[in-house]
Amino acid sequence: QWKNVSQLPLHLCITDGNDMCVESVAEIIDLNKQEGFIENGTSNVLQSLVLPWESVVDILPDACGSLDFIIAADCVFLEQYHESLLQMIDYLLSPSGTFVLMAPSRSGSRYRFKQKAEKEYSFQVTETQHYCNIVWDKHVLLLDDLITHKYEPLNHYPSLLLVTRNENK
């Protein structure tokens, strides 16, 4: 139905807690505008933003419960940040929204994040290992020869977590 992303009625904000990463994303956005991949003057908004999770209320005071999707990757390996990430998700996620996370186990930190999300925040978390045949087939191929490829599934293979608000909360 949609010919390109610029026709979608959405607001996309790409965030990171690191200034240099956000500057890089801003440059990529500008280059895509120059190349015509992102139309200027449309109702769509694409921006980059430094967003330390613990500062979300101060930085986005009007965004409470406003996001339908929050997408993140490989951001739960440092367990001291689980609480601030979950607080941010709880603050920003709309009642019917979904937090999409791709993350490897990293010595069980993903599991502990999932447990905290379910127990302390009453989120419903669905975890999937086989979410894409192409990725799964590569994973299986690498498992056949772990030494040659220096492949460590617990550190390299991400699971897909879908986090939603628990309807029974």
C-alpha atoms as a PDB file:
ATOM      1  CA  GLN A   1       0.000   0.000   0.000  1.00  0.00           C
ATOM      2  CA  TRP A   2       2.787   2.456   0.851  1.00  0.00           C
ATOM      3  CA  LYS A   3       5.163   3.305  -1.981  1.00  0.00           C
ATOM      4  CA  ASN A   4       7.899   4.514   0.349  1.00  0.00           C
ATOM      5  CA  VAL A   5       8.480   5.314   3.985  1.00  0.00           C
ATOM      6  CA  SER A   6       7.970   9.039   3.431  1.00  0.00           C
ATOM      7  CA  GLN A   7       4.256   8.347   2.877  1.00  0.00           C
ATOM      8  CA  LEU A   8       3.796   6.901   6.349  1.00  0.00           C
ATOM      9  CA  PRO A   9       2.104   9.145   8.909  1.00  0.00           C
ATOM     10  CA  LEU A  10       4.699   8.766  11.636  1.00  0.00           C
ATOM     11  CA  HIS A  11       7.198  10.430  13.863  1.00  0.00           C
ATOM     12  CA  LEU A  12      10.524   8.661  14.137  1.00  0.00           C
ATOM     13  CA  CYS A  13      13.042   9.657  16.755  1.00  0.00           C
ATOM     14  CA  ILE A  14      16.384   7.843  16.803  1.00  0.00           C
ATOM     15  CA  THR A  15      18.041   8.117  20.203  1.00  0.00           C
ATOM     16  CA  ASP A  16      21.231   7.197  21.970  1.00  0.00           C
ATOM     17  CA  GLY A  17      22.840   8.215  25.219  1.00  0.00           C
ATOM     18  CA  ASN A  18      26.093   8.997  23.410  1.00  0.00           C
ATOM     19  CA  ASP A  19      26.524  12.447  21.812  1.00  0.00           C
ATOM     20  CA  MET A  20      28.824  11.163  19.058  1.00  0.00           C
ATOM     21  CA  CYS A  21      26.376   8.447  18.013  1.00  0.00           C
ATOM     22  CA  VAL A  22      23.536  10.957  17.793  1.00  0.00           C
ATOM     23  CA  GLU A  23      25.686  13.364  15.741  1.00  0.00           C
ATOM     24  CA  SER A  24      26.442  10.520  13.335  1.00  0.00           C
ATOM     25  CA  VAL A  25      22.739   9.687  13.009  1.00  0.00           C
ATOM     26  CA  ALA A  26      21.932  13.371  12.368  1.00  0.00           C
ATOM     27  CA  GLU A  27      24.503  13.414   9.549  1.00  0.00           C
ATOM     28  CA  ILE A  28      22.964  10.283   8.027  1.00  0.00           C
ATOM     29  CA  ILE A  29      19.487  11.851   8.197  1.00  0.00           C
ATOM     30  CA  ASP A  30      20.781  14.999   6.463  1.00  0.00           C
ATOM     31  CA  LEU A  31      22.500  12.946   3.746  1.00  0.00           C
ATOM     32  CA  ASN A  32      19.298  10.990   3.129  1.00  0.00           C
ATOM     33  CA  LYS A  33      17.366  14.261   2.812  1.00  0.00           C
ATOM     34  CA  GLN A  34      19.945  15.575   0.318  1.00  0.00           C
ATOM     35  CA  GLU A  35      19.654  12.364  -1.709  1.00  0.00           C
ATOM     36  CA  GLY A  36      15.863  12.590  -1.735  1.00  0.00           C
ATOM     37  CA  PHE A  37      15.250   9.452   0.340  1.00  0.00           C
ATOM     38  CA  ILE A  38      13.549  11.591   2.977  1.00  0.00           C
ATOM     39  CA  GLU A  39      11.289  14.333   1.686  1.00  0.00           C
ATOM     40  CA  ASN A  40      11.633  17.794   3.176  1.00  0.00           C
ATOM     41  CA  GLY A  41       8.433  19.572   4.113  1.00  0.00           C
ATOM     42  CA  THR A  42       6.293  16.481   4.658  1.00  0.00           C
ATOM     43  CA  SER A  43       4.245  15.898   7.781  1.00  0.00           C
ATOM     44  CA  ASN A  44       6.680  13.177   8.749  1.00  0.00           C
ATOM     45  CA  VAL A  45       9.263  13.992  11.359  1.00  0.00           C
ATOM     46  CA  LEU A  46      12.597  12.228  11.561  1.00  0.00           C
ATOM     47  CA  GLN A  47      15.042  13.365  14.177  1.00  0.00           C
ATOM     48  CA  SER A  48      17.934  12.232  16.320  1.00  0.00           C
ATOM     49  CA  LEU A  49      18.148  12.950  20.023  1.00  0.00           C
ATOM     50  CA  VAL A  50      20.528  12.350  22.911  1.00  0.00           C
ATOM     51  CA  LEU A  51      18.349  10.515  25.429  1.00  0.00           C
ATOM     52  CA  PRO A  52      19.892   9.195  28.611  1.00  0.00           C
ATOM     53  CA  TRP A  53      17.187   6.839  29.863  1.00  0.00           C
ATOM     54  CA  GLU A  54      17.184   8.257  33.376  1.00  0.00           C
ATOM     55  CA  SER A  55      16.414  11.745  31.959  1.00  0.00           C
ATOM     56  CA  VAL A  56      13.453  10.831  29.751  1.00  0.00           C
ATOM     57  CA  VAL A  57      10.866  12.723  31.840  1.00  0.00           C
ATOM     58  CA  ASP A  58      12.965  15.911  31.775  1.00  0.00           C
ATOM     59  CA  ILE A  59      13.820  15.682  28.069  1.00  0.00           C
ATOM     60  CA  LEU A  60      10.391  14.509  26.819  1.00  0.00           C
ATOM     61  CA  PRO A  61       7.897  15.823  29.407  1.00  0.00           C
ATOM     62  CA  ASP A  62       4.916  15.649  27.028  1.00  0.00           C
ATOM     63  CA  ALA A  63       5.636  12.169  25.662  1.00  0.00           C
ATOM     64  CA  CYS A  64       4.175  10.048  28.469  1.00  0.00           C
ATOM     65  CA  GLY A  65       2.334   7.060  26.993  1.00  0.00           C
ATOM     66  CA  SER A  66       2.716   8.382  23.456  1.00  0.00           C
ATOM     67  CA  LEU A  67       4.877   5.831  21.631  1.00  0.00           C
ATOM     68  CA  ASP A  68       3.410   2.865  19.789  1.00  0.00           C
ATOM     69  CA  PHE A  69       6.822   1.322  19.129  1.00  0.00           C
ATOM     70  CA  ILE A  70      10.147   1.543  20.876  1.00  0.00           C
ATOM     71  CA  ILE A  71      12.878  -0.426  19.140  1.00  0.00           C
ATOM     72  CA  ALA A  72      16.251  -1.216  20.704  1.00  0.00           C
ATOM     73  CA  ALA A  73      19.201  -3.512  20.132  1.00  0.00           C
ATOM     74  CA  ASP A  74      21.887  -4.952  22.381  1.00  0.00           C
ATOM     75  CA  CYS A  75      21.252  -2.539  25.246  1.00  0.00           C
ATOM     76  CA  VAL A  76      20.634  -4.790  28.264  1.00  0.00           C
ATOM     77  CA  PHE A  77      24.117  -6.234  28.812  1.00  0.00           C
ATOM     78  CA  LEU A  78      24.965  -3.702  31.562  1.00  0.00           C
ATOM     79  CA  GLU A  79      22.534  -4.624  34.302  1.00  0.00           C
ATOM     80  CA  GLN A  80      22.959  -1.405  36.255  1.00  0.00           C
ATOM     81  CA  TYR A  81      20.900   0.272  33.478  1.00  0.00           C
ATOM     82  CA  HIS A  82      17.966  -2.181  33.460  1.00  0.00           C
ATOM     83  CA  GLU A  83      15.970  -0.081  35.911  1.00  0.00           C
ATOM     84  CA  SER A  84      16.324   3.192  33.994  1.00  0.00           C
ATOM     85  CA  LEU A  85      15.539   1.447  30.682  1.00  0.00           C
ATOM     86  CA  LEU A  86      12.390  -0.110  32.142  1.00  0.00           C
ATOM     87  CA  GLN A  87      11.335   3.213  33.670  1.00  0.00           C
ATOM     88  CA  MET A  88      11.773   4.858  30.264  1.00  0.00           C
ATOM     89  CA  ILE A  89       9.736   2.146  28.536  1.00  0.00           C
ATOM     90  CA  ASP A  90       7.011   2.402  31.171  1.00  0.00           C
ATOM     91  CA  TYR A  91       6.904   6.189  30.751  1.00  0.00           C
ATOM     92  CA  LEU A  92       6.914   6.349  26.932  1.00  0.00           C
ATOM     93  CA  LEU A  93       5.003   3.249  25.813  1.00  0.00           C
ATOM     94  CA  SER A  94       1.360   3.752  24.845  1.00  0.00           C
ATOM     95  CA  PRO A  95      -1.244   1.410  26.382  1.00  0.00           C
ATOM     96  CA  SER A  96      -1.235  -0.744  23.230  1.00  0.00           C
ATOM     97  CA  GLY A  97       2.425  -0.141  22.362  1.00  0.00           C
ATOM     98  CA  THR A  98       5.262  -2.627  21.939  1.00  0.00           C
ATOM     99  CA  PHE A  99       8.902  -2.426  22.962  1.00  0.00           C
ATOM    100  CA  VAL A 100      10.931  -4.470  20.466  1.00  0.00           C
ATOM    101  CA  LEU A 101      14.331  -5.617  21.703  1.00  0.00           C
ATOM    102  CA  MET A 102      17.020  -7.631  19.943  1.00  0.00           C
ATOM    103  CA  ALA A 103      19.661  -8.807  22.407  1.00  0.00           C
ATOM    104  CA  PRO A 104      21.994 -11.738  22.996  1.00  0.00           C
ATOM    105  CA  SER A 105      22.094 -13.454  26.377  1.00  0.00           C
ATOM    106  CA  ARG A 106      25.330 -11.801  27.534  1.00  0.00           C
ATOM    107  CA  SER A 107      25.849 -14.090  30.537  1.00  0.00           C
ATOM    108  CA  GLY A 108      22.155 -14.098  31.366  1.00  0.00           C
ATOM    109  CA  SER A 109      21.618 -10.333  31.476  1.00  0.00           C
ATOM    110  CA  ARG A 110      18.807 -10.567  28.893  1.00  0.00           C
ATOM    111  CA  TYR A 111      17.037 -13.160  31.051  1.00  0.00           C
ATOM    112  CA  ARG A 112      17.388 -10.982  34.148  1.00  0.00           C
ATOM    113  CA  PHE A 113      16.044  -7.980  32.204  1.00  0.00           C
ATOM    114  CA  LYS A 114      13.057 -10.057  31.108  1.00  0.00           C
ATOM    115  CA  GLN A 115      12.402 -11.222  34.689  1.00  0.00           C
ATOM    116  CA  LYS A 116      12.572  -7.658  36.010  1.00  0.00           C
ATOM    117  CA  ALA A 117      10.219  -6.421  33.264  1.00  0.00           C
ATOM    118  CA  GLU A 118       7.662  -9.111  34.102  1.00  0.00           C
ATOM    119  CA  LYS A 119       7.908  -9.099  37.893  1.00  0.00           C
ATOM    120  CA  GLU A 120       8.587  -5.481  38.791  1.00  0.00           C
ATOM    121  CA  TYR A 121       6.812  -3.705  35.921  1.00  0.00           C
ATOM    122  CA  SER A 122       4.097  -6.268  35.101  1.00  0.00           C
ATOM    123  CA  PHE A 123       5.026  -6.205  31.419  1.00  0.00           C
ATOM    124  CA  GLN A 124       4.202  -9.181  29.242  1.00  0.00           C
ATOM    125  CA  VAL A 125       7.383 -10.406  27.514  1.00  0.00           C
ATOM    126  CA  THR A 126       7.488 -12.830  24.597  1.00  0.00           C
ATOM    127  CA  GLU A 127      10.897 -14.191  23.648  1.00  0.00           C
ATOM    128  CA  THR A 128      11.648 -15.744  20.264  1.00  0.00           C
ATOM    129  CA  GLN A 129      14.885 -17.325  19.076  1.00  0.00           C
ATOM    130  CA  HIS A 130      13.760 -18.337  15.565  1.00  0.00           C
ATOM    131  CA  TYR A 131      12.382 -15.068  14.163  1.00  0.00           C
ATOM    132  CA  CYS A 132      13.939 -15.098  10.679  1.00  0.00           C
ATOM    133  CA  ASN A 133      14.866 -18.133   8.576  1.00  0.00           C
ATOM    134  CA  ILE A 134      17.913 -16.430   7.045  1.00  0.00           C
ATOM    135  CA  VAL A 135      19.320 -15.421  10.443  1.00  0.00           C
ATOM    136  CA  TRP A 136      18.472 -18.799  11.970  1.00  0.00           C
ATOM    137  CA  ASP A 137      20.144 -20.724   9.136  1.00  0.00           C
ATOM    138  CA  LYS A 138      23.325 -18.672   9.563  1.00  0.00           C
ATOM    139  CA  HIS A 139      23.183 -19.289  13.333  1.00  0.00           C
ATOM    140  CA  VAL A 140      22.902 -23.067  12.773  1.00  0.00           C
ATOM    141  CA  LEU A 141      25.748 -22.986  10.243  1.00  0.00           C
ATOM    142  CA  LEU A 142      27.994 -21.170  12.716  1.00  0.00           C
ATOM    143  CA  LEU A 143      27.076 -23.632  15.468  1.00  0.00           C
ATOM    144  CA  ASP A 144      28.539 -26.440  13.349  1.00  0.00           C
ATOM    145  CA  ASP A 145      32.021 -24.935  13.611  1.00  0.00           C
ATOM    146  CA  LEU A 146      32.242 -22.627  16.618  1.00  0.00           C
ATOM    147  CA  ILE A 147      36.040 -22.599  16.753  1.00  0.00           C
ATOM    148  CA  THR A 148      36.694 -21.569  13.141  1.00  0.00           C
ATOM    149  CA  HIS A 149      34.139 -18.752  13.248  1.00  0.00           C
ATOM    150  CA  LYS A 150      34.862 -17.668  16.844  1.00  0.00           C
ATOM    151  CA  TYR A 151      31.106 -17.714  17.292  1.00  0.00           C
ATOM    152  CA  GLU A 152      29.754 -17.527  20.827  1.00  0.00           C
ATOM    153  CA  PRO A 153      25.963 -17.876  20.638  1.00  0.00           C
ATOM    154  CA  LEU A 154      25.405 -16.481  24.139  1.00  0.00           C
ATOM    155  CA  ASN A 155      27.261 -13.303  23.203  1.00  0.00           C
ATOM    156  CA  HIS A 156      26.517 -13.078  19.488  1.00  0.00           C
ATOM    157  CA  TYR A 157      23.071 -14.525  18.688  1.00  0.00           C
ATOM    158  CA  PRO A 158      20.241 -12.157  19.614  1.00  0.00           C
ATOM    159  CA  SER A 159      16.798 -13.216  20.702  1.00  0.00           C
ATOM    160  CA  LEU A 160      13.767 -11.116  19.864  1.00  0.00           C
ATOM    161  CA  LEU A 161      11.830  -9.823  22.865  1.00  0.00           C
ATOM    162  CA  LEU A 162       8.416  -8.215  22.448  1.00  0.00           C
ATOM    163  CA  VAL A 163       7.423  -6.294  25.556  1.00  0.00           C
ATOM    164  CA  THR A 164       3.838  -5.091  25.974  1.00  0.00           C
ATOM    165  CA  ARG A 165       1.687  -3.845  28.790  1.00  0.00           C
ATOM    166  CA  ASN A 166      -0.028  -6.677  30.612  1.00  0.00           C
ATOM    167  CA  GLU A 167      -3.779  -6.459  30.028  1.00  0.00           C
ATOM    168  CA  ASN A 168      -4.390  -8.072  33.435  1.00  0.00           C
ATOM    169  CA  LYS A 169      -2.405  -5.395  35.283  1.00  0.00           C
END
